PDB file of N, CA and C in Angstrom:
ATOM      1  N   UNK A   1       0.825  -1.195   0.000  1.00  0.00           N
ATOM      2  CA  UNK A   1       0.000   0.000   0.000  1.00  0.00           C
ATOM      3  C   UNK A   1       0.868   1.256   0.000  1.00  0.00           C
ATOM      4  N   UNK A   2       1.877   1.297   0.867  1.00  0.00           N
ATOM      5  CA  UNK A   2       2.771   2.452   0.932  1.00  0.00           C
ATOM      6  C   UNK A   2       3.580   2.560  -0.360  1.00  0.00           C
ATOM      7  N   UNK A   3       4.041   1.431  -0.905  1.00  0.00           N
ATOM      8  CA  UNK A   3       4.807   1.445  -2.153  1.00  0.00           C
ATOM      9  C   UNK A   3       3.953   1.965  -3.302  1.00  0.00           C
ATOM     10  N   UNK A   4       2.690   1.596  -3.315  1.00  0.00           N
ATOM     11  CA  UNK A   4       1.782   2.049  -4.359  1.00  0.00           C
ATOM     12  C   UNK A   4       1.621   3.571  -4.293  1.00  0.00           C
ATOM     13  N   UNK A   5       1.480   4.113  -3.096  1.00  0.00           N
ATOM     14  CA  UNK A   5       1.356   5.563  -2.912  1.00  0.00           C
ATOM     15  C   UNK A   5       2.639   6.276  -3.318  1.00  0.00           C
ATOM     16  N   UNK A   6       3.779   5.703  -2.948  1.00  0.00           N
ATOM     17  CA  UNK A   6       5.063   6.305  -3.319  1.00  0.00           C
ATOM     18  C   UNK A   6       5.258   6.303  -4.830  1.00  0.00           C
ATOM     19  N   UNK A   7       4.834   5.218  -5.487  1.00  0.00           N
ATOM     20  CA  UNK A   7       4.937   5.163  -6.943  1.00  0.00           C
ATOM     21  C   UNK A   7       4.063   6.229  -7.598  1.00  0.00           C
ATOM     22  N   UNK A   8       2.872   6.414  -7.063  1.00  0.00           N
ATOM     23  CA  UNK A   8       1.972   7.436  -7.610  1.00  0.00           C
ATOM     24  C   UNK A   8       2.571   8.830  -7.441  1.00  0.00           C
ATOM     25  N   UNK A   9       3.141   9.088  -6.273  1.00  0.00           N
ATOM     26  CA  UNK A   9       3.756  10.393  -6.019  1.00  0.00           C
ATOM     27  C   UNK A   9       4.944  10.595  -6.942  1.00  0.00           C
ATOM     28  N   UNK A  10       5.771   9.574  -7.105  1.00  0.00           N
ATOM     29  CA  UNK A  10       6.922   9.651  -7.989  1.00  0.00           C
ATOM     30  C   UNK A  10       6.484   9.879  -9.431  1.00  0.00           C
ATOM     31  N   UNK A  11       5.454   9.176  -9.859  1.00  0.00           N
ATOM     32  CA  UNK A  11       4.930   9.337 -11.213  1.00  0.00           C
ATOM     33  C   UNK A  11       4.419  10.756 -11.433  1.00  0.00           C
ATOM     34  N   UNK A  12       3.716  11.307 -10.460  1.00  0.00           N
ATOM     35  CA  UNK A  12       3.205  12.678 -10.563  1.00  0.00           C
ATOM     36  C   UNK A  12       4.362  13.665 -10.657  1.00  0.00           C
ATOM     37  N   UNK A  13       5.386  13.470  -9.849  1.00  0.00           N
ATOM     38  CA  UNK A  13       6.561  14.349  -9.891  1.00  0.00           C
ATOM     39  C   UNK A  13       7.253  14.295 -11.245  1.00  0.00           C
ATOM     40  N   UNK A  14       7.394  13.096 -11.780  1.00  0.00           N
ATOM     41  CA  UNK A  14       8.027  12.936 -13.096  1.00  0.00           C
ATOM     42  C   UNK A  14       7.188  13.614 -14.172  1.00  0.00           C
ATOM     43  N   UNK A  15       5.886  13.467 -14.109  1.00  0.00           N
ATOM     44  CA  UNK A  15       5.004  14.105 -15.089  1.00  0.00           C
ATOM     45  C   UNK A  15       5.079  15.633 -14.996  1.00  0.00           C
ATOM     46  N   UNK A  16       5.118  16.156 -13.785  1.00  0.00           N
ATOM     47  CA  UNK A  16       5.225  17.608 -13.606  1.00  0.00           C
ATOM     48  C   UNK A  16       6.535  18.112 -14.178  1.00  0.00           C
ATOM     49  N   UNK A  17       7.625  17.418 -13.904  1.00  0.00           N
ATOM     50  CA  UNK A  17       8.923  17.813 -14.461  1.00  0.00           C
ATOM     51  C   UNK A  17       8.927  17.736 -15.983  1.00  0.00           C
ATOM     52  N   UNK A  18       8.281  16.725 -16.537  1.00  0.00           N
ATOM     53  CA  UNK A  18       8.213  16.581 -17.989  1.00  0.00           C
ATOM     54  C   UNK A  18       7.447  17.746 -18.615  1.00  0.00           C
ATOM     55  N   UNK A  19       6.358  18.145 -17.988  1.00  0.00           N
ATOM     56  CA  UNK A  19       5.569  19.274 -18.496  1.00  0.00           C
ATOM     57  C   UNK A  19       6.398  20.554 -18.462  1.00  0.00           C
ATOM     58  N   UNK A  20       7.109  20.785 -17.368  1.00  0.00           N
ATOM     59  CA  UNK A  20       7.961  21.968 -17.281  1.00  0.00           C
ATOM     60  C   UNK A  20       9.064  21.925 -18.326  1.00  0.00           C
ATOM     61  N   UNK A  21       9.621  20.778 -18.557  1.00  0.00           N
ATOM     62  CA  UNK A  21      10.691  20.634 -19.549  1.00  0.00           C
ATOM     63  C   UNK A  21      10.172  20.919 -20.950  1.00  0.00           C
ATOM     64  N   UNK A  22       8.980  20.419 -21.268  1.00  0.00           N
ATOM     65  CA  UNK A  22       8.401  20.642 -22.582  1.00  0.00           C
ATOM     66  C   UNK A  22       8.014  22.094 -22.801  1.00  0.00           C
ATOM     67  N   UNK A  23       7.599  22.766 -21.757  1.00  0.00           N
ATOM     68  CA  UNK A  23       7.170  24.150 -21.897  1.00  0.00           C
ATOM     69  C   UNK A  23       8.322  25.140 -21.761  1.00  0.00           C
ATOM     70  N   UNK A  24       9.492  24.659 -21.397  1.00  0.00           N
ATOM     71  CA  UNK A  24      10.654  25.542 -21.237  1.00  0.00           C
ATOM     72  C   UNK A  24      11.049  26.103 -22.600  1.00  0.00           C
ATOM     73  N   UNK A  25      11.520  27.323 -22.590  1.00  0.00           N
ATOM     74  CA  UNK A  25      11.951  27.952 -23.826  1.00  0.00           C
ATOM     75  C   UNK A  25      13.276  27.361 -24.276  1.00  0.00           C
ATOM     76  N   UNK A  26      13.454  27.339 -25.584  1.00  0.00           N
ATOM     77  CA  UNK A  26      14.672  26.786 -26.159  1.00  0.00           C
ATOM     78  C   UNK A  26      15.664  27.923 -26.363  1.00  0.00           C
ATOM     79  N   UNK A  27      16.587  28.060 -25.435  1.00  0.00           N
ATOM     80  CA  UNK A  27      17.564  29.145 -25.468  1.00  0.00           C
ATOM     81  C   UNK A  27      18.882  28.731 -26.119  1.00  0.00           C
ATOM     82  N   UNK A  28      18.885  27.555 -26.778  1.00  0.00           N
ATOM     83  CA  UNK A  28      20.091  27.146 -27.484  1.00  0.00           C
ATOM     84  C   UNK A  28      20.337  28.089 -28.651  1.00  0.00           C
ATOM     85  N   UNK A  29      21.594  28.363 -28.913  1.00  0.00           N
ATOM     86  CA  UNK A  29      21.944  29.221 -30.029  1.00  0.00           C
ATOM     87  C   UNK A  29      21.756  28.455 -31.330  1.00  0.00           C
ATOM     88  N   UNK A  30      20.944  29.011 -32.213  1.00  0.00           N
ATOM     89  CA  UNK A  30      20.715  28.399 -33.516  1.00  0.00           C
ATOM     90  C   UNK A  30      21.830  28.788 -34.476  1.00  0.00           C
ATOM     91  N   UNK A  31      22.183  30.069 -34.432  1.00  0.00           N
ATOM     92  CA  UNK A  31      23.181  30.592 -35.350  1.00  0.00           C
ATOM     93  C   UNK A  31      23.757  31.872 -34.769  1.00  0.00           C
ATOM     94  N   UNK A  32      24.968  32.193 -35.175  1.00  0.00           N
ATOM     95  CA  UNK A  32      25.601  33.438 -34.768  1.00  0.00           C
ATOM     96  C   UNK A  32      25.737  34.292 -36.020  1.00  0.00           C
ATOM     97  N   UNK A  33      25.095  35.460 -35.992  1.00  0.00           N
ATOM     98  CA  UNK A  33      25.119  36.351 -37.149  1.00  0.00           C
ATOM     99  C   UNK A  33      25.841  37.631 -36.752  1.00  0.00           C
ATOM    100  N   UNK A  34      26.999  37.836 -37.334  1.00  0.00           N
ATOM    101  CA  UNK A  34      27.803  39.042 -37.086  1.00  0.00           C
ATOM    102  C   UNK A  34      28.018  39.270 -35.597  1.00  0.00           C
ATOM    103  N   UNK A  35      28.328  38.198 -34.882  1.00  0.00           N
ATOM    104  CA  UNK A  35      28.631  38.319 -33.455  1.00  0.00           C
ATOM    105  C   UNK A  35      27.430  38.297 -32.530  1.00  0.00           C
ATOM    106  N   UNK A  36      26.245  38.141 -33.074  1.00  0.00           N
ATOM    107  CA  UNK A  36      25.023  38.108 -32.252  1.00  0.00           C
ATOM    108  C   UNK A  36      24.394  36.722 -32.331  1.00  0.00           C
ATOM    109  N   UNK A  37      24.224  36.090 -31.168  1.00  0.00           N
ATOM    110  CA  UNK A  37      23.579  34.775 -31.136  1.00  0.00           C
ATOM    111  C   UNK A  37      22.081  34.921 -31.347  1.00  0.00           C
ATOM    112  N   UNK A  38      21.534  34.053 -32.168  1.00  0.00           N
ATOM    113  CA  UNK A  38      20.092  33.971 -32.382  1.00  0.00           C
ATOM    114  C   UNK A  38      19.649  32.623 -31.821  1.00  0.00           C
ATOM    115  N   UNK A  39      18.754  32.656 -30.842  1.00  0.00           N
ATOM    116  CA  UNK A  39      18.291  31.412 -30.230  1.00  0.00           C
ATOM    117  C   UNK A  39      17.226  30.755 -31.100  1.00  0.00           C
ATOM    118  N   UNK A  40      16.993  29.504 -30.844  1.00  0.00           N
ATOM    119  CA  UNK A  40      15.949  28.756 -31.555  1.00  0.00           C
ATOM    120  C   UNK A  40      14.599  29.432 -31.324  1.00  0.00           C
ATOM    121  N   UNK A  41      14.334  29.829 -30.076  1.00  0.00           N
ATOM    122  CA  UNK A  41      13.069  30.500 -29.750  1.00  0.00           C
ATOM    123  C   UNK A  41      12.898  31.803 -30.519  1.00  0.00           C
ATOM    124  N   UNK A  42      13.957  32.607 -30.552  1.00  0.00           N
ATOM    125  CA  UNK A  42      13.870  33.897 -31.247  1.00  0.00           C
ATOM    126  C   UNK A  42      13.559  33.699 -32.727  1.00  0.00           C
ATOM    127  N   UNK A  43      14.269  32.764 -33.358  1.00  0.00           N
ATOM    128  CA  UNK A  43      14.036  32.519 -34.779  1.00  0.00           C
ATOM    129  C   UNK A  43      12.633  31.972 -35.021  1.00  0.00           C
ATOM    130  N   UNK A  44      12.205  31.004 -34.227  1.00  0.00           N
ATOM    131  CA  UNK A  44      10.885  30.405 -34.429  1.00  0.00           C
ATOM    132  C   UNK A  44       9.765  31.416 -34.183  1.00  0.00           C
ATOM    133  N   UNK A  45       9.975  32.333 -33.242  1.00  0.00           N
ATOM    134  CA  UNK A  45       8.976  33.374 -33.001  1.00  0.00           C
ATOM    135  C   UNK A  45       8.784  34.220 -34.258  1.00  0.00           C
ATOM    136  N   UNK A  46       9.893  34.658 -34.856  1.00  0.00           N
ATOM    137  CA  UNK A  46       9.826  35.493 -36.052  1.00  0.00           C
ATOM    138  C   UNK A  46       9.265  34.691 -37.227  1.00  0.00           C
ATOM    139  N   UNK A  47       9.693  33.438 -37.339  1.00  0.00           N
ATOM    140  CA  UNK A  47       9.196  32.584 -38.427  1.00  0.00           C
ATOM    141  C   UNK A  47       7.680  32.422 -38.336  1.00  0.00           C
ATOM    142  N   UNK A  48       7.187  32.085 -37.160  1.00  0.00           N
ATOM    143  CA  UNK A  48       5.746  31.869 -36.992  1.00  0.00           C
ATOM    144  C   UNK A  48       4.961  33.163 -37.175  1.00  0.00           C
ATOM    145  N   UNK A  49       5.551  34.267 -36.744  1.00  0.00           N
ATOM    146  CA  UNK A  49       4.878  35.558 -36.881  1.00  0.00           C
ATOM    147  C   UNK A  49       4.726  35.937 -38.356  1.00  0.00           C
ATOM    148  N   UNK A  50       5.726  35.604 -39.162  1.00  0.00           N
ATOM    149  CA  UNK A  50       5.719  35.986 -40.570  1.00  0.00           C
ATOM    150  C   UNK A  50       5.248  34.882 -41.501  1.00  0.00           C
ATOM    151  N   UNK A  51       4.910  33.720 -40.967  1.00  0.00           N
ATOM    152  CA  UNK A  51       4.455  32.606 -41.787  1.00  0.00           C
ATOM    153  C   UNK A  51       3.019  32.882 -42.224  1.00  0.00           C
ATOM    154  N   UNK A  52       2.844  33.193 -43.510  1.00  0.00           N
ATOM    155  CA  UNK A  52       1.520  33.550 -44.018  1.00  0.00           C
ATOM    156  C   UNK A  52       0.711  32.329 -44.441  1.00  0.00           C
ATOM    157  N   UNK A  53       1.295  31.138 -44.303  1.00  0.00           N
ATOM    158  CA  UNK A  53       0.607  29.925 -44.713  1.00  0.00           C
ATOM    159  C   UNK A  53      -0.119  29.252 -43.557  1.00  0.00           C
ATOM    160  N   UNK A  54      -0.374  29.986 -42.510  1.00  0.00           N
ATOM    161  CA  UNK A  54      -1.089  29.423 -41.375  1.00  0.00           C
ATOM    162  C   UNK A  54      -0.211  28.536 -40.527  1.00  0.00           C
ATOM    163  N   UNK A  55      -0.684  27.342 -40.263  1.00  0.00           N
ATOM    164  CA  UNK A  55       0.031  26.422 -39.378  1.00  0.00           C
ATOM    165  C   UNK A  55       0.988  25.489 -40.108  1.00  0.00           C
ATOM    166  N   UNK A  56       1.216  25.740 -41.393  1.00  0.00           N
ATOM    167  CA  UNK A  56       2.108  24.866 -42.155  1.00  0.00           C
ATOM    168  C   UNK A  56       3.552  25.178 -41.778  1.00  0.00           C
ATOM    169  N   UNK A  57       4.220  24.194 -41.203  1.00  0.00           N
ATOM    170  CA  UNK A  57       5.618  24.344 -40.837  1.00  0.00           C
ATOM    171  C   UNK A  57       6.343  23.103 -41.330  1.00  0.00           C
ATOM    172  N   UNK A  58       7.096  23.262 -42.413  1.00  0.00           N
ATOM    173  CA  UNK A  58       7.876  22.136 -42.902  1.00  0.00           C
ATOM    174  C   UNK A  58       9.345  22.528 -42.994  1.00  0.00           C
ATOM    175  N   UNK A  59      10.181  21.528 -43.131  1.00  0.00           N
ATOM    176  CA  UNK A  59      11.627  21.745 -43.124  1.00  0.00           C
ATOM    177  C   UNK A  59      12.060  22.695 -44.238  1.00  0.00           C
ATOM    178  N   UNK A  60      11.488  22.542 -45.424  1.00  0.00           N
ATOM    179  CA  UNK A  60      11.877  23.373 -46.564  1.00  0.00           C
ATOM    180  C   UNK A  60      11.559  24.843 -46.316  1.00  0.00           C
ATOM    181  N   UNK A  61      10.362  25.124 -45.813  1.00  0.00           N
ATOM    182  CA  UNK A  61       9.992  26.523 -45.598  1.00  0.00           C
ATOM    183  C   UNK A  61      10.844  27.148 -44.488  1.00  0.00           C
ATOM    184  N   UNK A  62      11.189  26.377 -43.469  1.00  0.00           N
ATOM    185  CA  UNK A  62      12.044  26.896 -42.396  1.00  0.00           C
ATOM    186  C   UNK A  62      13.437  27.179 -42.928  1.00  0.00           C
ATOM    187  N   UNK A  63      13.976  26.277 -43.751  1.00  0.00           N
ATOM    188  CA  UNK A  63      15.312  26.484 -44.318  1.00  0.00           C
ATOM    189  C   UNK A  63      15.334  27.712 -45.225  1.00  0.00           C
ATOM    190  N   UNK A  64      14.296  27.874 -46.043  1.00  0.00           N
ATOM    191  CA  UNK A  64      14.215  29.041 -46.918  1.00  0.00           C
ATOM    192  C   UNK A  64      14.126  30.326 -46.099  1.00  0.00           C
ATOM    193  N   UNK A  65      13.303  30.302 -45.075  1.00  0.00           N
ATOM    194  CA  UNK A  65      13.137  31.489 -44.243  1.00  0.00           C
ATOM    195  C   UNK A  65      14.422  31.802 -43.481  1.00  0.00           C
ATOM    196  N   UNK A  66      15.151  30.777 -43.073  1.00  0.00           N
ATOM    197  CA  UNK A  66      16.411  31.003 -42.366  1.00  0.00           C
ATOM    198  C   UNK A  66      17.384  31.783 -43.244  1.00  0.00           C
ATOM    199  N   UNK A  67      17.445  31.450 -44.524  1.00  0.00           N
ATOM    200  CA  UNK A  67      18.295  32.195 -45.456  1.00  0.00           C
ATOM    201  C   UNK A  67      17.883  33.662 -45.540  1.00  0.00           C
ATOM    202  N   UNK A  68      16.586  33.905 -45.649  1.00  0.00           N
ATOM    203  CA  UNK A  68      16.076  35.281 -45.693  1.00  0.00           C
ATOM    204  C   UNK A  68      16.371  36.018 -44.388  1.00  0.00           C
ATOM    205  N   UNK A  69      16.205  35.317 -43.288  1.00  0.00           N
ATOM    206  CA  UNK A  69      16.422  35.906 -41.960  1.00  0.00           C
ATOM    207  C   UNK A  69      17.886  36.304 -41.783  1.00  0.00           C
ATOM    208  N   UNK A  70      18.798  35.426 -42.207  1.00  0.00           N
ATOM    209  CA  UNK A  70      20.229  35.725 -42.103  1.00  0.00           C
ATOM    210  C   UNK A  70      20.561  36.960 -42.932  1.00  0.00           C
ATOM    211  N   UNK A  71      20.066  37.024 -44.170  1.00  0.00           N
ATOM    212  CA  UNK A  71      20.318  38.199 -45.019  1.00  0.00           C
ATOM    213  C   UNK A  71      19.782  39.474 -44.382  1.00  0.00           C
ATOM    214  N   UNK A  72      18.585  39.399 -43.820  1.00  0.00           N
ATOM    215  CA  UNK A  72      17.988  40.557 -43.159  1.00  0.00           C
ATOM    216  C   UNK A  72      18.857  41.033 -41.991  1.00  0.00           C
ATOM    217  N   UNK A  73      19.262  40.093 -41.136  1.00  0.00           N
ATOM    218  CA  UNK A  73      20.081  40.448 -39.969  1.00  0.00           C
ATOM    219  C   UNK A  73      21.420  41.043 -40.396  1.00  0.00           C
ATOM    220  N   UNK A  74      22.015  40.510 -41.467  1.00  0.00           N
ATOM    221  CA  UNK A  74      23.280  41.057 -41.966  1.00  0.00           C
ATOM    222  C   UNK A  74      23.098  42.484 -42.494  1.00  0.00           C
ATOM    223  N   UNK A  75      21.994  42.737 -43.173  1.00  0.00           N
ATOM    224  CA  UNK A  75      21.711  44.093 -43.667  1.00  0.00           C
ATOM    225  C   UNK A  75      21.520  45.066 -42.512  1.00  0.00           C
ATOM    226  N   UNK A  76      20.818  44.623 -41.465  1.00  0.00           N
ATOM    227  CA  UNK A  76      20.615  45.479 -40.290  1.00  0.00           C
ATOM    228  C   UNK A  76      21.953  45.789 -39.634  1.00  0.00           C
ATOM    229  N   UNK A  77      22.807  44.778 -39.487  1.00  0.00           N
ATOM    230  CA  UNK A  77      24.134  44.986 -38.889  1.00  0.00           C
ATOM    231  C   UNK A  77      24.958  45.966 -39.720  1.00  0.00           C
ATOM    232  N   UNK A  78      24.896  45.843 -41.042  1.00  0.00           N
ATOM    233  CA  UNK A  78      25.634  46.755 -41.916  1.00  0.00           C
ATOM    234  C   UNK A  78      25.102  48.184 -41.779  1.00  0.00           C
ATOM    235  N   UNK A  79      23.778  48.322 -41.738  1.00  0.00           N
ATOM    236  CA  UNK A  79      23.171  49.648 -41.584  1.00  0.00           C
ATOM    237  C   UNK A  79      23.586  50.277 -40.253  1.00  0.00           C
ATOM    238  N   UNK A  80      23.631  49.475 -39.195  1.00  0.00           N
ATOM    239  CA  UNK A  80      24.067  49.988 -37.893  1.00  0.00           C
ATOM    240  C   UNK A  80      25.534  50.398 -37.941  1.00  0.00           C
ATOM    241  N   UNK A  81      26.361  49.594 -38.605  1.00  0.00           N
ATOM    242  CA  UNK A  81      27.790  49.906 -38.708  1.00  0.00           C
ATOM    243  C   UNK A  81      28.024  51.195 -39.494  1.00  0.00           C
ATOM    244  N   UNK A  82      27.176  51.451 -40.475  1.00  0.00           N
ATOM    245  CA  UNK A  82      27.291  52.680 -41.275  1.00  0.00           C
ATOM    246  C   UNK A  82      26.626  53.875 -40.603  1.00  0.00           C
ATOM    247  N   UNK A  83      25.958  53.638 -39.499  1.00  0.00           N
ATOM    248  CA  UNK A  83      25.318  54.721 -38.761  1.00  0.00           C
ATOM    249  C   UNK A  83      23.955  55.113 -39.276  1.00  0.00           C
ATOM    250  N   UNK A  84      23.367  54.293 -40.152  1.00  0.00           N
ATOM    251  CA  UNK A  84      22.056  54.627 -40.703  1.00  0.00           C
ATOM    252  C   UNK A  84      20.974  54.674 -39.644  1.00  0.00           C
ATOM    253  N   UNK A  85      21.166  53.955 -38.558  1.00  0.00           N
ATOM    254  CA  UNK A  85      20.152  53.936 -37.503  1.00  0.00           C
ATOM    255  C   UNK A  85      20.166  55.209 -36.675  1.00  0.00           C
ATOM    256  N   UNK A  86      21.153  56.079 -36.895  1.00  0.00           N
ATOM    257  CA  UNK A  86      21.230  57.335 -36.144  1.00  0.00           C
ATOM    258  C   UNK A  86      20.864  58.547 -37.000  1.00  0.00           C
ATOM    259  N   UNK A  87      20.572  58.345 -38.273  1.00  0.00           N
ATOM    260  CA  UNK A  87      20.210  59.434 -39.175  1.00  0.00           C
ATOM    261  C   UNK A  87      18.846  59.981 -38.754  1.00  0.00           C
ATOM    262  N   UNK A  88      18.725  61.301 -38.698  1.00  0.00           N
ATOM    263  CA  UNK A  88      17.500  61.952 -38.236  1.00  0.00           C
ATOM    264  C   UNK A  88      16.276  61.527 -39.041  1.00  0.00           C
ATOM    265  N   UNK A  89      16.398  61.446 -40.361  1.00  0.00           N
ATOM    266  CA  UNK A  89      15.262  61.050 -41.199  1.00  0.00           C
ATOM    267  C   UNK A  89      14.792  59.649 -40.840  1.00  0.00           C
ATOM    268  N   UNK A  90      15.725  58.758 -40.572  1.00  0.00           N
ATOM    269  CA  UNK A  90      15.357  57.394 -40.194  1.00  0.00           C
ATOM    270  C   UNK A  90      14.640  57.385 -38.860  1.00  0.00           C
ATOM    271  N   UNK A  91      15.148  58.153 -37.898  1.00  0.00           N
ATOM    272  CA  UNK A  91      14.520  58.206 -36.573  1.00  0.00           C
ATOM    273  C   UNK A  91      13.090  58.722 -36.672  1.00  0.00           C
ATOM    274  N   UNK A  92      12.867  59.733 -37.513  1.00  0.00           N
ATOM    275  CA  UNK A  92      11.518  60.275 -37.677  1.00  0.00           C
ATOM    276  C   UNK A  92      10.591  59.246 -38.323  1.00  0.00           C
ATOM    277  N   UNK A  93      11.089  58.554 -39.339  1.00  0.00           N
ATOM    278  CA  UNK A  93      10.284  57.536 -40.008  1.00  0.00           C
ATOM    279  C   UNK A  93       9.944  56.398 -39.052  1.00  0.00           C
ATOM    280  N   UNK A  94      10.906  55.992 -38.248  1.00  0.00           N
ATOM    281  CA  UNK A  94      10.678  54.925 -37.286  1.00  0.00           C
ATOM    282  C   UNK A  94       9.669  55.360 -36.225  1.00  0.00           C
ATOM    283  N   UNK A  95       9.795  56.590 -35.756  1.00  0.00           N
ATOM    284  CA  UNK A  95       8.847  57.103 -34.760  1.00  0.00           C
ATOM    285  C   UNK A  95       7.430  57.136 -35.341  1.00  0.00           C
ATOM    286  N   UNK A  96       7.308  57.545 -36.598  1.00  0.00           N
ATOM    287  CA  UNK A  96       5.998  57.590 -37.249  1.00  0.00           C
ATOM    288  C   UNK A  96       5.429  56.180 -37.396  1.00  0.00           C
ATOM    289  N   UNK A  97       6.273  55.227 -37.742  1.00  0.00           N
ATOM    290  CA  UNK A  97       5.833  53.840 -37.869  1.00  0.00           C
ATOM    291  C   UNK A  97       5.248  53.348 -36.558  1.00  0.00           C
ATOM    292  N   UNK A  98       5.968  53.574 -35.449  1.00  0.00           N
ATOM    293  CA  UNK A  98       5.482  53.103 -34.150  1.00  0.00           C
ATOM    294  C   UNK A  98       4.245  53.865 -33.708  1.00  0.00           C
ATOM    295  N   UNK A  99       4.135  55.146 -34.079  1.00  0.00           N
ATOM    296  CA  UNK A  99       2.943  55.919 -33.756  1.00  0.00           C
ATOM    297  C   UNK A  99       1.723  55.347 -34.483  1.00  0.00           C
ATOM    298  N   UNK A 100       1.887  55.083 -35.774  1.00  0.00           N
ATOM    299  CA  UNK A 100       0.788  54.542 -36.570  1.00  0.00           C
ATOM    300  C   UNK A 100       0.425  53.139 -36.086  1.00  0.00           C
ATOM    301  N   UNK A 101       1.434  52.341 -35.835  1.00  0.00           N
ATOM    302  CA  UNK A 101       1.189  50.983 -35.345  1.00  0.00           C
ATOM    303  C   UNK A 101       0.444  51.010 -34.018  1.00  0.00           C
ATOM    304  N   UNK A 102       0.842  51.893 -33.122  1.00  0.00           N
ATOM    305  CA  UNK A 102       0.173  52.031 -31.822  1.00  0.00           C
ATOM    306  C   UNK A 102      -1.259  52.479 -31.974  1.00  0.00           C
ATOM    307  N   UNK A 103      -1.495  53.407 -32.917  1.00  0.00           N
ATOM    308  CA  UNK A 103      -2.854  53.890 -33.169  1.00  0.00           C
ATOM    309  C   UNK A 103      -3.746  52.783 -33.701  1.00  0.00           C
ATOM    310  N   UNK A 104      -3.194  51.978 -34.589  1.00  0.00           N
ATOM    311  CA  UNK A 104      -3.978  50.884 -35.169  1.00  0.00           C
ATOM    312  C   UNK A 104      -4.302  49.833 -34.107  1.00  0.00           C
ATOM    313  N   UNK A 105      -3.354  49.568 -33.227  1.00  0.00           N
ATOM    314  CA  UNK A 105      -3.581  48.584 -32.170  1.00  0.00           C
ATOM    315  C   UNK A 105      -4.665  49.049 -31.196  1.00  0.00           C
ATOM    316  N   UNK A 106      -4.694  50.353 -30.913  1.00  0.00           N
ATOM    317  CA  UNK A 106      -5.702  50.883 -29.994  1.00  0.00           C
ATOM    318  C   UNK A 106      -7.099  50.783 -30.616  1.00  0.00           C
ATOM    319  N   UNK A 107      -7.195  50.966 -31.951  1.00  0.00           N
ATOM    320  CA  UNK A 107      -8.485  50.884 -32.611  1.00  0.00           C
ATOM    321  C   UNK A 107      -8.998  49.452 -32.679  1.00  0.00           C
ATOM    322  N   UNK A 108      -8.058  48.492 -32.801  1.00  0.00           N
ATOM    323  CA  UNK A 108      -8.409  47.074 -32.981  1.00  0.00           C
ATOM    324  C   UNK A 108      -8.839  46.494 -31.714  1.00  0.00           C
TER     325      UNK A 108
END
């Protein structure tokens, strides 16, 4: 009787740990782009956010998107290195983008 109760408690503990493990974020580095680590979670978040095909996630589409993502990150790094992110016109355009985006979110 006591062994049966201990087994049940042990099983519950193992199940709880398994659930926590499955729900844990994947912080492993997927790739390093220009000195910046990109985690599996970060990449998958962006992939799922931009995936216009709904819930379709296959190896080919992820590989294709990874190529696009790497090119995008490299362009951003180059723009930062050239100081484009500090240009006044860019700052104004970015501020307007966030203002419009915020306005649209409040209406929705």
